[in-house]
Amino acid sequence: MSQKARMPSRQTKWILVIIAIGLIAIFVSYKTELSNVCSIRQLNIAGDEKKYEQTKDPQFCDALNSRISQFNDECKSNVEELDCG
């Protein structure tokens, strides 16, 4: 049996390398860019505001207000903070 039959061709190796690099680039892009998009962050905050309305958990409210404040600073927005009292 020849050795060439068992080893993937050079072209196949390059295709696999390119696919791997592409997948890594997509993953890094997703983690760094999409998680910081202001509209997505605002939707997450709105969802958490609904959760707070159901639970009325003061610790959750404080954490959410911190996120709202940070969001307002970073995204040049004016989302109103919650009244935790």
Protein backbone atom coordinates (compact mmCIF):
# COMPACT_ATOMS: atom_id res chain seq x y z
CA MET A 1 0.00 0.00 0.00
CA SER A 2 1.47 3.33 -0.92
CA GLN A 3 1.96 6.09 1.61
CA LYS A 4 0.24 8.62 -0.64
CA ALA A 5 -3.09 6.77 -0.38
CA ARG A 6 -3.21 7.17 3.42
CA MET A 7 -2.22 10.84 3.74
CA PRO A 8 -4.56 13.64 2.76
CA SER A 9 -3.47 15.62 -0.23
CA ARG A 10 -1.81 18.99 0.14
CA GLN A 11 -4.90 20.68 -1.28
CA THR A 12 -7.13 19.01 1.32
CA LYS A 13 -4.84 20.16 4.13
CA TRP A 14 -4.98 23.76 2.89
CA ILE A 15 -8.77 23.62 2.62
CA LEU A 16 -9.00 22.38 6.21
CA VAL A 17 -6.62 25.10 7.41
CA ILE A 18 -8.65 27.81 5.65
CA ILE A 19 -11.91 26.46 7.08
CA ALA A 20 -10.41 26.35 10.60
CA ILE A 21 -9.11 29.92 10.32
CA GLY A 22 -12.51 31.06 9.03
CA LEU A 23 -14.35 29.42 11.91
CA ILE A 24 -11.97 30.96 14.45
CA ALA A 25 -12.41 34.39 12.85
CA ILE A 26 -16.19 34.05 12.95
CA PHE A 27 -16.12 33.00 16.60
CA VAL A 28 -13.84 35.86 17.65
CA SER A 29 -15.91 38.35 15.64
CA TYR A 30 -19.11 37.12 17.25
CA LYS A 31 -17.73 37.31 20.78
CA THR A 32 -16.16 40.76 20.43
CA GLU A 33 -18.46 42.66 18.08
CA LEU A 34 -21.96 41.27 18.36
CA SER A 35 -21.97 41.24 22.13
CA ASN A 36 -21.19 44.97 22.13
CA VAL A 37 -23.76 46.11 19.58
CA CYS A 38 -25.89 48.69 21.35
CA SER A 39 -29.22 47.55 19.92
CA ILE A 40 -28.65 43.98 21.12
CA ARG A 41 -27.57 45.20 24.53
CA GLN A 42 -30.69 47.37 24.75
CA LEU A 43 -32.89 44.36 23.96
CA ASN A 44 -31.15 42.36 26.68
CA ILE A 45 -31.74 45.18 29.17
CA ALA A 46 -35.42 45.39 28.18
CA GLY A 47 -35.77 41.64 28.74
CA ASP A 48 -34.09 41.92 32.13
CA GLU A 49 -36.40 44.79 33.07
CA LYS A 50 -39.35 42.46 32.46
CA LYS A 51 -37.69 39.81 34.64
CA TYR A 52 -37.25 42.38 37.39
CA GLU A 53 -40.91 43.38 37.19
CA GLN A 54 -41.79 39.74 37.86
CA THR A 55 -39.30 39.08 40.66
CA LYS A 56 -38.80 42.51 42.31
CA ASP A 57 -35.38 41.26 43.45
CA PRO A 58 -33.42 44.27 44.82
CA GLN A 59 -30.00 42.72 44.06
CA PHE A 60 -31.05 42.03 40.48
CA CYS A 61 -32.32 45.62 40.26
CA ASP A 62 -29.00 47.06 41.46
CA ALA A 63 -27.05 44.93 38.98
CA LEU A 64 -29.42 45.94 36.19
CA ASN A 65 -29.08 49.62 37.06
CA SER A 66 -25.30 49.26 36.84
CA ARG A 67 -25.66 47.73 33.39
CA ILE A 68 -28.08 50.49 32.34
CA SER A 69 -25.66 53.16 33.51
CA GLN A 70 -22.78 51.53 31.65
CA PHE A 71 -24.97 51.11 28.56
CA ASN A 72 -25.99 54.78 28.64
CA ASP A 73 -22.34 55.87 28.87
CA GLU A 74 -21.03 53.56 26.16
CA CYS A 75 -23.93 53.79 23.71
CA LYS A 76 -24.79 57.47 24.17
CA SER A 77 -28.29 56.52 25.21
CA ASN A 78 -30.75 57.63 27.88
CA VAL A 79 -32.39 54.46 29.22
CA GLU A 80 -34.05 55.28 32.51
CA GLU A 81 -32.72 53.46 35.56
CA LEU A 82 -35.12 51.47 37.69
CA ASP A 83 -36.45 52.49 41.11
CA CYS A 84 -35.21 49.67 43.32
CA GLY A 85 -36.84 50.95 46.49
